[in-house]
Every structure is written in structure tokens, then in C-alpha cells.
């Protein structure tokens, strides 16, 4: 396991661009809320530490992880956002349902990002046990919500910076 005995959510936030000029949608699944509430808390606190304006952070809950891609598409289409963060938790059960949900959500999030040319961040935990989810949502392995927030800010800034380079004639695409 890549996260075994590691906390992967420790960032020097001084090295991350500020979020003050960004508008970000933060979408979190209601399912497995003991995990997703922690993910949401980590993402919100990180964005606040990066100085996002309160009016520029749109937080919405969706029923489950499966609904995250369509909610992200709604956000991209209607909210004029610089990035979307999708937070969820899928825990393996005794059937193949886990595999279908995980594949659909991962593919859907990627497809929305490419369709709208907006960073849509996959902050969905796909764990074998609830304990693994708890460990990765504020436990011994950090908080994937923090990682998703940092990724969203970095990718939004990358898009902005590449656009500025392109429009200045420095880089032609």
C-alpha cells in the first residue's frame, strides 16, 4: 500500500499558490459521512488557509460517490468555477458493486474535467475497509481532502498561467 505508515497530507502551504482569486466548487458525498465529513473539513480548512474568499467557495452535498460526476458537470456548466473538488468514499463490500462504482466515478470525473477544460479533482477514497477510509480522512495517513484542495488550487493556477503565456505570444498552442 502506497500510504502505509505515511502521512501524505503534510504540505508547506506557503509554497502553494493562494486561492484568493479563485472560485471553487467543493462537492462531497453524503454516503459514508463519517469519512466524507472529515474529507470536507480538511478541504475547507485548507482552502481557507490558502485565503479563498468565502463567497468563492461553493459547498454542496450529493447523495453518493456515483453522483459526483454529474454534480461536477452541473458545477462546471453553471457556476463559472476555476476548479471542482469531488470528495467521496466507497468501501469494498462482498459484491462487485464496489468495482463498478469506483470505475464509473473515476471515469466520470475525468470526463467532466476534459469536457469543460476545468480541473475536476478526484478526492474519492476507494478503500477495502472503513478503517482505511478513516485513516485517510484525517487519521494516521493524513486527509485526502487536504490533498484534493491543494491539487485544485495548483491546477487552477497552472491553467491560468498557461493561458497568460499563450495569450502573450510566448507559447503558441
N, C-alpha and C. Protein backbone atom coordinates (compact mmCIF):
# COMPACT_ATOMS: atom_id res chain seq x y z
N UNK A 1 0.84 -1.17 0.00
CA UNK A 1 0.00 0.00 0.00
C UNK A 1 0.89 1.23 0.00
N UNK A 2 0.60 2.17 -0.86
CA UNK A 2 1.42 3.38 -1.01
C UNK A 2 1.40 4.26 0.22
N UNK A 3 0.33 4.22 1.00
CA UNK A 3 0.23 5.13 2.14
C UNK A 3 0.61 4.47 3.46
N UNK A 4 1.06 3.23 3.43
CA UNK A 4 1.37 2.54 4.67
C UNK A 4 2.42 3.30 5.47
N UNK A 5 2.09 3.59 6.70
CA UNK A 5 2.97 4.29 7.64
C UNK A 5 3.40 5.67 7.16
N UNK A 6 2.60 6.32 6.35
CA UNK A 6 2.94 7.65 5.85
C UNK A 6 1.74 8.59 6.00
N UNK A 7 2.05 9.85 6.23
CA UNK A 7 1.03 10.90 6.19
C UNK A 7 1.32 11.69 4.93
N UNK A 8 0.48 11.54 3.95
CA UNK A 8 0.72 12.16 2.64
C UNK A 8 0.07 13.53 2.50
N UNK A 9 -0.46 14.07 3.58
CA UNK A 9 -1.18 15.33 3.50
C UNK A 9 -0.46 16.48 4.18
N UNK A 10 0.81 16.33 4.40
CA UNK A 10 1.57 17.40 5.03
C UNK A 10 2.16 18.29 3.94
N UNK A 11 1.69 19.54 3.91
CA UNK A 11 2.14 20.49 2.91
C UNK A 11 2.65 21.74 3.60
N UNK A 12 3.63 22.36 3.00
CA UNK A 12 4.03 23.70 3.40
C UNK A 12 3.13 24.62 2.58
N UNK A 13 2.07 25.10 3.19
CA UNK A 13 1.08 25.89 2.45
C UNK A 13 1.66 27.20 1.93
N UNK A 14 2.81 27.63 2.46
CA UNK A 14 3.47 28.82 1.93
C UNK A 14 3.98 28.59 0.51
N UNK A 15 4.16 27.32 0.14
CA UNK A 15 4.66 27.00 -1.20
C UNK A 15 3.53 26.74 -2.20
N UNK A 16 2.28 26.81 -1.73
CA UNK A 16 1.12 26.59 -2.59
C UNK A 16 0.56 27.96 -2.97
N UNK A 17 0.19 28.17 -4.24
CA UNK A 17 -0.40 29.47 -4.62
C UNK A 17 -1.64 29.79 -3.78
N UNK A 18 -1.91 31.04 -3.60
CA UNK A 18 -3.09 31.47 -2.85
C UNK A 18 -4.36 31.22 -3.68
N UNK A 19 -5.44 31.01 -2.97
CA UNK A 19 -6.73 30.74 -3.62
C UNK A 19 -7.63 31.97 -3.64
N UNK A 20 -7.10 33.10 -3.24
CA UNK A 20 -7.93 34.30 -3.07
C UNK A 20 -8.63 34.76 -4.35
N UNK A 21 -8.05 34.51 -5.50
CA UNK A 21 -8.65 34.95 -6.76
C UNK A 21 -9.45 33.83 -7.44
N UNK A 22 -9.57 32.69 -6.78
CA UNK A 22 -10.21 31.52 -7.39
C UNK A 22 -11.64 31.33 -6.88
N UNK A 23 -12.43 30.69 -7.75
CA UNK A 23 -13.79 30.28 -7.39
C UNK A 23 -13.81 28.75 -7.52
N UNK A 24 -14.13 28.08 -6.42
CA UNK A 24 -14.02 26.62 -6.37
C UNK A 24 -15.31 26.01 -5.85
N UNK A 25 -15.77 24.95 -6.53
CA UNK A 25 -16.91 24.16 -6.06
C UNK A 25 -16.36 22.95 -5.33
N UNK A 26 -16.89 22.72 -4.16
CA UNK A 26 -16.47 21.60 -3.31
C UNK A 26 -17.68 20.69 -3.14
N UNK A 27 -17.64 19.51 -3.74
CA UNK A 27 -18.76 18.58 -3.74
C UNK A 27 -18.39 17.37 -2.90
N UNK A 28 -19.23 17.02 -1.94
CA UNK A 28 -18.94 15.90 -1.06
C UNK A 28 -20.13 14.95 -0.97
N UNK A 29 -19.83 13.69 -1.03
CA UNK A 29 -20.84 12.66 -0.92
C UNK A 29 -21.38 12.57 0.50
N UNK A 30 -22.68 12.29 0.63
CA UNK A 30 -23.29 12.06 1.94
C UNK A 30 -23.04 10.63 2.42
N UNK A 31 -22.79 9.72 1.49
CA UNK A 31 -22.61 8.31 1.85
C UNK A 31 -21.27 8.15 2.57
N UNK A 32 -21.23 7.30 3.59
CA UNK A 32 -20.05 7.13 4.45
C UNK A 32 -19.64 8.48 5.04
N UNK A 33 -20.62 9.19 5.58
CA UNK A 33 -20.39 10.56 6.02
C UNK A 33 -19.37 10.68 7.15
N UNK A 34 -19.13 9.64 7.92
CA UNK A 34 -18.08 9.74 8.93
C UNK A 34 -16.71 9.92 8.27
N UNK A 35 -16.59 9.51 7.04
CA UNK A 35 -15.37 9.72 6.27
C UNK A 35 -15.47 11.01 5.46
N UNK A 36 -16.57 11.19 4.75
CA UNK A 36 -16.67 12.35 3.86
C UNK A 36 -16.77 13.66 4.62
N UNK A 37 -17.33 13.64 5.82
CA UNK A 37 -17.33 14.87 6.64
C UNK A 37 -15.90 15.29 6.95
N UNK A 38 -15.04 14.32 7.24
CA UNK A 38 -13.63 14.61 7.51
C UNK A 38 -12.92 15.13 6.27
N UNK A 39 -13.21 14.53 5.12
CA UNK A 39 -12.61 14.99 3.87
C UNK A 39 -13.02 16.43 3.59
N UNK A 40 -14.30 16.71 3.77
CA UNK A 40 -14.83 18.06 3.54
C UNK A 40 -14.18 19.06 4.49
N UNK A 41 -14.06 18.69 5.74
CA UNK A 41 -13.43 19.58 6.72
C UNK A 41 -11.98 19.88 6.32
N UNK A 42 -11.23 18.86 5.94
CA UNK A 42 -9.83 19.07 5.53
C UNK A 42 -9.71 19.96 4.31
N UNK A 43 -10.58 19.75 3.32
CA UNK A 43 -10.54 20.57 2.10
C UNK A 43 -10.90 22.02 2.41
N UNK A 44 -11.98 22.23 3.18
CA UNK A 44 -12.40 23.59 3.51
C UNK A 44 -11.33 24.33 4.31
N UNK A 45 -10.78 23.68 5.31
CA UNK A 45 -9.75 24.33 6.13
C UNK A 45 -8.52 24.68 5.30
N UNK A 46 -8.17 23.83 4.37
CA UNK A 46 -7.02 24.09 3.51
C UNK A 46 -7.29 25.27 2.59
N UNK A 47 -8.46 25.31 1.97
CA UNK A 47 -8.81 26.43 1.09
C UNK A 47 -8.88 27.73 1.88
N UNK A 48 -9.40 27.68 3.09
CA UNK A 48 -9.43 28.87 3.94
C UNK A 48 -8.01 29.33 4.29
N UNK A 49 -7.13 28.37 4.59
CA UNK A 49 -5.74 28.71 4.89
C UNK A 49 -5.04 29.33 3.67
N UNK A 50 -5.52 28.94 2.48
CA UNK A 50 -4.97 29.49 1.23
C UNK A 50 -5.72 30.76 0.81
N UNK A 51 -6.53 31.29 1.71
CA UNK A 51 -7.18 32.59 1.59
C UNK A 51 -8.26 32.68 0.53
N UNK A 52 -9.00 31.59 0.33
CA UNK A 52 -10.14 31.69 -0.59
C UNK A 52 -11.17 32.64 0.01
N UNK A 53 -11.78 33.43 -0.83
CA UNK A 53 -12.85 34.33 -0.39
C UNK A 53 -14.07 33.47 -0.06
N UNK A 54 -14.71 33.69 1.08
CA UNK A 54 -15.86 32.86 1.46
C UNK A 54 -16.94 32.76 0.38
N UNK A 55 -17.20 33.84 -0.33
CA UNK A 55 -18.22 33.81 -1.38
C UNK A 55 -17.78 33.02 -2.61
N UNK A 56 -16.50 32.71 -2.71
CA UNK A 56 -15.98 31.99 -3.87
C UNK A 56 -15.80 30.50 -3.60
N UNK A 57 -16.27 30.04 -2.46
CA UNK A 57 -16.24 28.61 -2.14
C UNK A 57 -17.69 28.13 -2.08
N UNK A 58 -18.06 27.29 -3.03
CA UNK A 58 -19.42 26.76 -3.11
C UNK A 58 -19.37 25.32 -2.65
N UNK A 59 -20.03 25.01 -1.55
CA UNK A 59 -20.02 23.67 -0.98
C UNK A 59 -21.40 23.06 -1.16
N UNK A 60 -21.43 21.86 -1.74
CA UNK A 60 -22.69 21.14 -1.92
C UNK A 60 -22.48 19.67 -1.59
N UNK A 61 -23.52 19.05 -1.04
CA UNK A 61 -23.51 17.62 -0.76
C UNK A 61 -24.30 16.90 -1.86
N UNK A 62 -23.87 15.70 -2.19
CA UNK A 62 -24.57 14.85 -3.15
C UNK A 62 -24.84 13.52 -2.46
N UNK A 63 -25.83 12.76 -2.92
CA UNK A 63 -26.20 11.53 -2.21
C UNK A 63 -25.05 10.53 -2.04
N UNK A 64 -24.34 10.24 -3.12
CA UNK A 64 -23.27 9.24 -3.04
C UNK A 64 -22.15 9.57 -4.01
N UNK A 65 -21.12 8.76 -3.98
CA UNK A 65 -19.98 8.98 -4.87
C UNK A 65 -20.39 8.88 -6.34
N UNK A 66 -21.31 8.00 -6.64
CA UNK A 66 -21.75 7.81 -8.03
C UNK A 66 -22.31 9.09 -8.64
N UNK A 67 -22.88 9.95 -7.80
CA UNK A 67 -23.47 11.20 -8.28
C UNK A 67 -22.46 12.34 -8.44
N UNK A 68 -21.24 12.14 -8.02
CA UNK A 68 -20.23 13.20 -8.11
C UNK A 68 -19.97 13.69 -9.54
N UNK A 69 -19.82 12.80 -10.54
CA UNK A 69 -19.57 13.31 -11.89
C UNK A 69 -20.67 14.23 -12.43
N UNK A 70 -21.94 13.87 -12.24
CA UNK A 70 -22.99 14.74 -12.76
C UNK A 70 -23.06 16.03 -11.97
N UNK A 71 -22.82 15.97 -10.67
CA UNK A 71 -22.78 17.20 -9.87
C UNK A 71 -21.62 18.09 -10.32
N UNK A 72 -20.49 17.48 -10.64
CA UNK A 72 -19.35 18.26 -11.15
C UNK A 72 -19.69 18.89 -12.48
N UNK A 73 -20.41 18.16 -13.32
CA UNK A 73 -20.83 18.73 -14.60
C UNK A 73 -21.78 19.90 -14.40
N UNK A 74 -22.73 19.76 -13.48
CA UNK A 74 -23.62 20.89 -13.16
C UNK A 74 -22.80 22.10 -12.73
N UNK A 75 -21.81 21.88 -11.86
CA UNK A 75 -20.98 22.98 -11.34
C UNK A 75 -20.19 23.64 -12.47
N UNK A 76 -19.58 22.83 -13.31
CA UNK A 76 -18.79 23.39 -14.42
C UNK A 76 -19.66 24.19 -15.38
N UNK A 77 -20.86 23.72 -15.59
CA UNK A 77 -21.75 24.34 -16.57
C UNK A 77 -22.41 25.61 -16.04
N UNK A 78 -22.66 25.69 -14.73
CA UNK A 78 -23.48 26.79 -14.23
C UNK A 78 -22.80 27.74 -13.25
N UNK A 79 -21.71 27.34 -12.64
CA UNK A 79 -21.16 28.14 -11.54
C UNK A 79 -19.95 29.00 -11.90
N UNK A 80 -19.43 28.89 -13.11
CA UNK A 80 -18.26 29.68 -13.52
C UNK A 80 -17.11 29.52 -12.53
N UNK A 81 -16.70 28.27 -12.32
CA UNK A 81 -15.66 27.96 -11.35
C UNK A 81 -14.31 27.76 -12.02
N UNK A 82 -13.26 27.93 -11.24
CA UNK A 82 -11.89 27.66 -11.70
C UNK A 82 -11.50 26.21 -11.46
N UNK A 83 -12.16 25.55 -10.52
CA UNK A 83 -11.89 24.14 -10.21
C UNK A 83 -13.07 23.55 -9.46
N UNK A 84 -13.16 22.23 -9.52
CA UNK A 84 -14.18 21.48 -8.78
C UNK A 84 -13.44 20.38 -8.02
N UNK A 85 -13.81 20.20 -6.77
CA UNK A 85 -13.24 19.12 -5.96
C UNK A 85 -14.36 18.14 -5.65
N UNK A 86 -14.13 16.87 -6.00
CA UNK A 86 -15.10 15.81 -5.73
C UNK A 86 -14.58 14.94 -4.60
N UNK A 87 -15.32 14.88 -3.50
CA UNK A 87 -14.93 14.11 -2.33
C UNK A 87 -15.95 13.01 -2.07
N UNK A 88 -15.46 11.80 -1.89
CA UNK A 88 -16.36 10.69 -1.62
C UNK A 88 -15.62 9.53 -0.99
N UNK A 89 -16.39 8.50 -0.66
CA UNK A 89 -15.84 7.30 -0.04
C UNK A 89 -16.62 6.09 -0.53
N UNK A 90 -15.90 5.14 -1.09
CA UNK A 90 -16.50 3.87 -1.50
C UNK A 90 -15.72 2.79 -0.77
N UNK A 91 -16.43 1.96 0.00
CA UNK A 91 -15.79 0.89 0.76
C UNK A 91 -16.20 -0.45 0.17
N UNK A 92 -15.20 -1.29 -0.05
CA UNK A 92 -15.44 -2.60 -0.67
C UNK A 92 -16.42 -3.42 0.16
N UNK A 93 -17.33 -4.05 -0.50
CA UNK A 93 -18.28 -4.96 0.16
C UNK A 93 -18.04 -6.37 -0.34
N UNK A 94 -19.07 -7.17 -0.31
CA UNK A 94 -18.95 -8.57 -0.69
C UNK A 94 -19.32 -8.83 -2.14
N UNK A 95 -19.70 -7.78 -2.87
CA UNK A 95 -20.09 -7.97 -4.27
C UNK A 95 -19.21 -7.11 -5.17
N UNK A 96 -19.40 -7.21 -6.46
CA UNK A 96 -18.62 -6.44 -7.43
C UNK A 96 -19.13 -5.00 -7.57
N UNK A 97 -20.14 -4.62 -6.81
CA UNK A 97 -20.68 -3.26 -6.84
C UNK A 97 -19.56 -2.23 -6.66
N UNK A 98 -18.65 -2.48 -5.75
CA UNK A 98 -17.52 -1.59 -5.48
C UNK A 98 -16.76 -1.27 -6.77
N UNK A 99 -16.44 -2.29 -7.53
CA UNK A 99 -15.65 -2.11 -8.76
C UNK A 99 -16.40 -1.25 -9.78
N UNK A 100 -17.69 -1.49 -9.93
CA UNK A 100 -18.48 -0.72 -10.89
C UNK A 100 -18.57 0.75 -10.47
N UNK A 101 -18.83 0.99 -9.20
CA UNK A 101 -18.95 2.37 -8.72
C UNK A 101 -17.63 3.10 -8.85
N UNK A 102 -16.55 2.49 -8.40
CA UNK A 102 -15.23 3.15 -8.45
C UNK A 102 -14.85 3.48 -9.88
N UNK A 103 -15.02 2.54 -10.79
CA UNK A 103 -14.67 2.77 -12.19
C UNK A 103 -15.52 3.89 -12.80
N UNK A 104 -16.81 3.87 -12.54
CA UNK A 104 -17.70 4.88 -13.11
C UNK A 104 -17.37 6.27 -12.58
N UNK A 105 -17.11 6.38 -11.29
CA UNK A 105 -16.82 7.69 -10.70
C UNK A 105 -15.49 8.23 -11.22
N UNK A 106 -14.47 7.39 -11.23
CA UNK A 106 -13.16 7.84 -11.71
C UNK A 106 -13.25 8.28 -13.17
N UNK A 107 -13.88 7.49 -14.01
CA UNK A 107 -14.04 7.83 -15.42
C UNK A 107 -14.88 9.08 -15.58
N UNK A 108 -15.96 9.17 -14.83
CA UNK A 108 -16.85 10.31 -14.93
C UNK A 108 -16.19 11.63 -14.54
N UNK A 109 -15.44 11.62 -13.46
CA UNK A 109 -14.73 12.83 -13.01
C UNK A 109 -13.73 13.27 -14.07
N UNK A 110 -12.99 12.31 -14.61
CA UNK A 110 -12.02 12.63 -15.66
C UNK A 110 -12.71 13.19 -16.90
N UNK A 111 -13.82 12.59 -17.28
CA UNK A 111 -14.54 13.03 -18.47
C UNK A 111 -15.06 14.46 -18.32
N UNK A 112 -15.58 14.79 -17.15
CA UNK A 112 -16.10 16.14 -16.92
C UNK A 112 -14.96 17.16 -17.01
N UNK A 113 -13.85 16.83 -16.43
CA UNK A 113 -12.70 17.73 -16.47
C UNK A 113 -12.28 18.02 -17.90
N UNK A 114 -12.19 16.99 -18.70
CA UNK A 114 -11.77 17.17 -20.10
C UNK A 114 -12.86 17.87 -20.93
N UNK A 115 -14.12 17.55 -20.67
CA UNK A 115 -15.22 18.16 -21.42
C UNK A 115 -15.27 19.67 -21.21
N UNK A 116 -15.06 20.12 -19.98
CA UNK A 116 -15.22 21.53 -19.67
C UNK A 116 -13.90 22.29 -19.57
N UNK A 117 -12.78 21.58 -19.71
CA UNK A 117 -11.46 22.23 -19.63
C UNK A 117 -11.28 22.95 -18.30
N UNK A 118 -11.75 22.30 -17.24
CA UNK A 118 -11.66 22.81 -15.88
C UNK A 118 -11.09 21.70 -15.01
N UNK A 119 -10.16 22.01 -14.12
CA UNK A 119 -9.67 20.96 -13.21
C UNK A 119 -10.81 20.43 -12.33
N UNK A 120 -11.06 19.15 -12.44
CA UNK A 120 -12.03 18.46 -11.58
C UNK A 120 -11.23 17.40 -10.85
N UNK A 121 -11.08 17.58 -9.55
CA UNK A 121 -10.16 16.78 -8.76
C UNK A 121 -10.87 15.57 -8.16
N UNK A 122 -10.24 14.42 -8.29
CA UNK A 122 -10.75 13.14 -7.79
C UNK A 122 -10.25 12.94 -6.37
N UNK A 123 -11.09 13.29 -5.41
CA UNK A 123 -10.78 13.09 -4.00
C UNK A 123 -11.67 12.03 -3.41
N UNK A 124 -11.79 10.92 -4.11
CA UNK A 124 -12.68 9.84 -3.69
C UNK A 124 -11.82 8.70 -3.14
N UNK A 125 -12.06 8.34 -1.90
CA UNK A 125 -11.35 7.22 -1.31
C UNK A 125 -12.00 5.92 -1.76
N UNK A 126 -11.19 4.97 -2.17
CA UNK A 126 -11.67 3.65 -2.59
C UNK A 126 -10.94 2.63 -1.73
N UNK A 127 -11.52 2.32 -0.61
CA UNK A 127 -10.86 1.52 0.42
C UNK A 127 -11.49 0.15 0.58
N UNK A 128 -10.68 -0.76 1.13
CA UNK A 128 -11.18 -2.10 1.42
C UNK A 128 -11.98 -2.15 2.72
N UNK A 129 -11.66 -1.24 3.66
CA UNK A 129 -12.34 -1.24 4.95
C UNK A 129 -12.67 0.20 5.37
N UNK A 130 -13.62 0.32 6.28
CA UNK A 130 -13.95 1.63 6.84
C UNK A 130 -12.73 2.21 7.56
N UNK A 131 -11.96 1.37 8.24
CA UNK A 131 -10.79 1.87 8.97
C UNK A 131 -9.80 2.52 8.01
N UNK A 132 -9.59 1.93 6.85
CA UNK A 132 -8.70 2.55 5.87
C UNK A 132 -9.22 3.93 5.47
N UNK A 133 -10.52 4.05 5.29
CA UNK A 133 -11.11 5.34 4.96
C UNK A 133 -10.91 6.35 6.06
N UNK A 134 -11.10 5.94 7.29
CA UNK A 134 -10.89 6.84 8.43
C UNK A 134 -9.43 7.25 8.54
N UNK A 135 -8.53 6.30 8.28
CA UNK A 135 -7.09 6.60 8.33
C UNK A 135 -6.67 7.62 7.27
N UNK A 136 -7.39 7.65 6.14
CA UNK A 136 -7.05 8.53 5.02
C UNK A 136 -7.91 9.79 4.97
N UNK A 137 -8.77 9.96 5.99
CA UNK A 137 -9.63 11.15 6.03
C UNK A 137 -9.43 11.89 7.36
N UNK A 138 -8.19 12.03 7.73
CA UNK A 138 -7.88 12.73 8.96
C UNK A 138 -7.18 11.86 9.99
N UNK A 139 -6.95 10.63 9.65
CA UNK A 139 -6.27 9.70 10.56
C UNK A 139 -4.78 9.63 10.30
N UNK A 140 -4.21 8.46 10.54
CA UNK A 140 -2.76 8.32 10.51
C UNK A 140 -2.13 8.51 9.13
N UNK A 141 -2.92 8.45 8.09
CA UNK A 141 -2.37 8.65 6.74
C UNK A 141 -2.71 10.03 6.18
N UNK A 142 -3.18 10.93 7.01
CA UNK A 142 -3.48 12.28 6.57
C UNK A 142 -4.92 12.43 6.16
N UNK A 143 -5.17 13.40 5.30
CA UNK A 143 -6.53 13.70 4.88
C UNK A 143 -6.52 13.98 3.38
N UNK A 144 -7.13 13.08 2.64
CA UNK A 144 -7.19 13.22 1.20
C UNK A 144 -7.93 14.49 0.78
N UNK A 145 -8.78 15.04 1.64
CA UNK A 145 -9.44 16.32 1.35
C UNK A 145 -8.43 17.45 1.26
N UNK A 146 -7.43 17.42 2.12
CA UNK A 146 -6.34 18.41 2.06
C UNK A 146 -5.63 18.30 0.73
N UNK A 147 -5.27 17.08 0.36
CA UNK A 147 -4.57 16.85 -0.91
C UNK A 147 -5.39 17.32 -2.10
N UNK A 148 -6.69 17.04 -2.07
CA UNK A 148 -7.56 17.45 -3.18
C UNK A 148 -7.63 18.97 -3.29
N UNK A 149 -7.70 19.66 -2.16
CA UNK A 149 -7.75 21.13 -2.18
C UNK A 149 -6.45 21.71 -2.73
N UNK A 150 -5.33 21.19 -2.30
CA UNK A 150 -4.04 21.67 -2.80
C UNK A 150 -3.93 21.41 -4.30
N UNK A 151 -4.36 20.24 -4.74
CA UNK A 151 -4.32 19.90 -6.17
C UNK A 151 -5.20 20.85 -6.97
N UNK A 152 -6.40 21.14 -6.49
CA UNK A 152 -7.32 22.03 -7.21
C UNK A 152 -6.71 23.42 -7.38
N UNK A 153 -6.12 23.95 -6.32
CA UNK A 153 -5.52 25.28 -6.39
C UNK A 153 -4.33 25.28 -7.35
N UNK A 154 -3.49 24.28 -7.25
CA UNK A 154 -2.32 24.22 -8.14
C UNK A 154 -2.74 24.08 -9.61
N UNK A 155 -3.74 23.25 -9.87
CA UNK A 155 -4.16 23.05 -11.26
C UNK A 155 -4.88 24.28 -11.80
N UNK A 156 -5.68 24.95 -10.99
CA UNK A 156 -6.34 26.19 -11.44
C UNK A 156 -5.29 27.24 -11.78
N UNK A 157 -4.27 27.35 -10.96
CA UNK A 157 -3.20 28.31 -11.25
C UNK A 157 -2.40 27.91 -12.48
N UNK A 158 -2.19 26.62 -12.67
CA UNK A 158 -1.49 26.16 -13.87
C UNK A 158 -2.26 26.56 -15.12
N UNK A 159 -3.56 26.34 -15.11
CA UNK A 159 -4.38 26.72 -16.27
C UNK A 159 -4.31 28.22 -16.52
N UNK A 160 -4.43 29.01 -15.47
CA UNK A 160 -4.36 30.47 -15.59
C UNK A 160 -3.00 30.89 -16.15
N UNK A 161 -1.94 30.33 -15.60
CA UNK A 161 -0.58 30.71 -16.03
C UNK A 161 -0.30 30.29 -17.46
N UNK A 162 -0.75 29.12 -17.86
CA UNK A 162 -0.55 28.69 -19.25
C UNK A 162 -1.36 29.57 -20.20
N UNK A 163 -2.55 29.97 -19.79
CA UNK A 163 -3.36 30.87 -20.61
C UNK A 163 -2.70 32.22 -20.79
N UNK A 164 -2.09 32.73 -19.72
CA UNK A 164 -1.39 34.01 -19.81
C UNK A 164 -0.18 33.91 -20.74
N UNK A 165 0.54 32.80 -20.67
CA UNK A 165 1.67 32.62 -21.56
C UNK A 165 1.22 32.52 -23.01
N UNK A 166 0.14 31.78 -23.23
CA UNK A 166 -0.37 31.62 -24.58
C UNK A 166 -0.84 32.94 -25.17
N UNK A 167 -1.57 33.74 -24.39
CA UNK A 167 -2.10 34.99 -24.91
C UNK A 167 -1.02 36.06 -25.07
N UNK A 168 0.10 35.89 -24.40
CA UNK A 168 1.18 36.87 -24.55
C UNK A 168 2.02 36.60 -25.78
N UNK A 169 1.75 35.48 -26.44
CA UNK A 169 2.52 35.14 -27.63
C UNK A 169 3.79 34.38 -27.31
N UNK A 170 4.05 34.12 -26.06
CA UNK A 170 5.26 33.41 -25.67
C UNK A 170 5.18 31.94 -26.06
N UNK A 171 4.00 31.36 -25.88
CA UNK A 171 3.81 29.95 -26.23
C UNK A 171 2.62 29.89 -27.17
N UNK A 172 2.73 29.18 -28.24
CA UNK A 172 1.60 29.02 -29.14
C UNK A 172 1.02 27.62 -29.02
N UNK A 173 -0.28 27.54 -28.84
CA UNK A 173 -0.94 26.24 -28.79
C UNK A 173 -1.83 26.09 -29.98
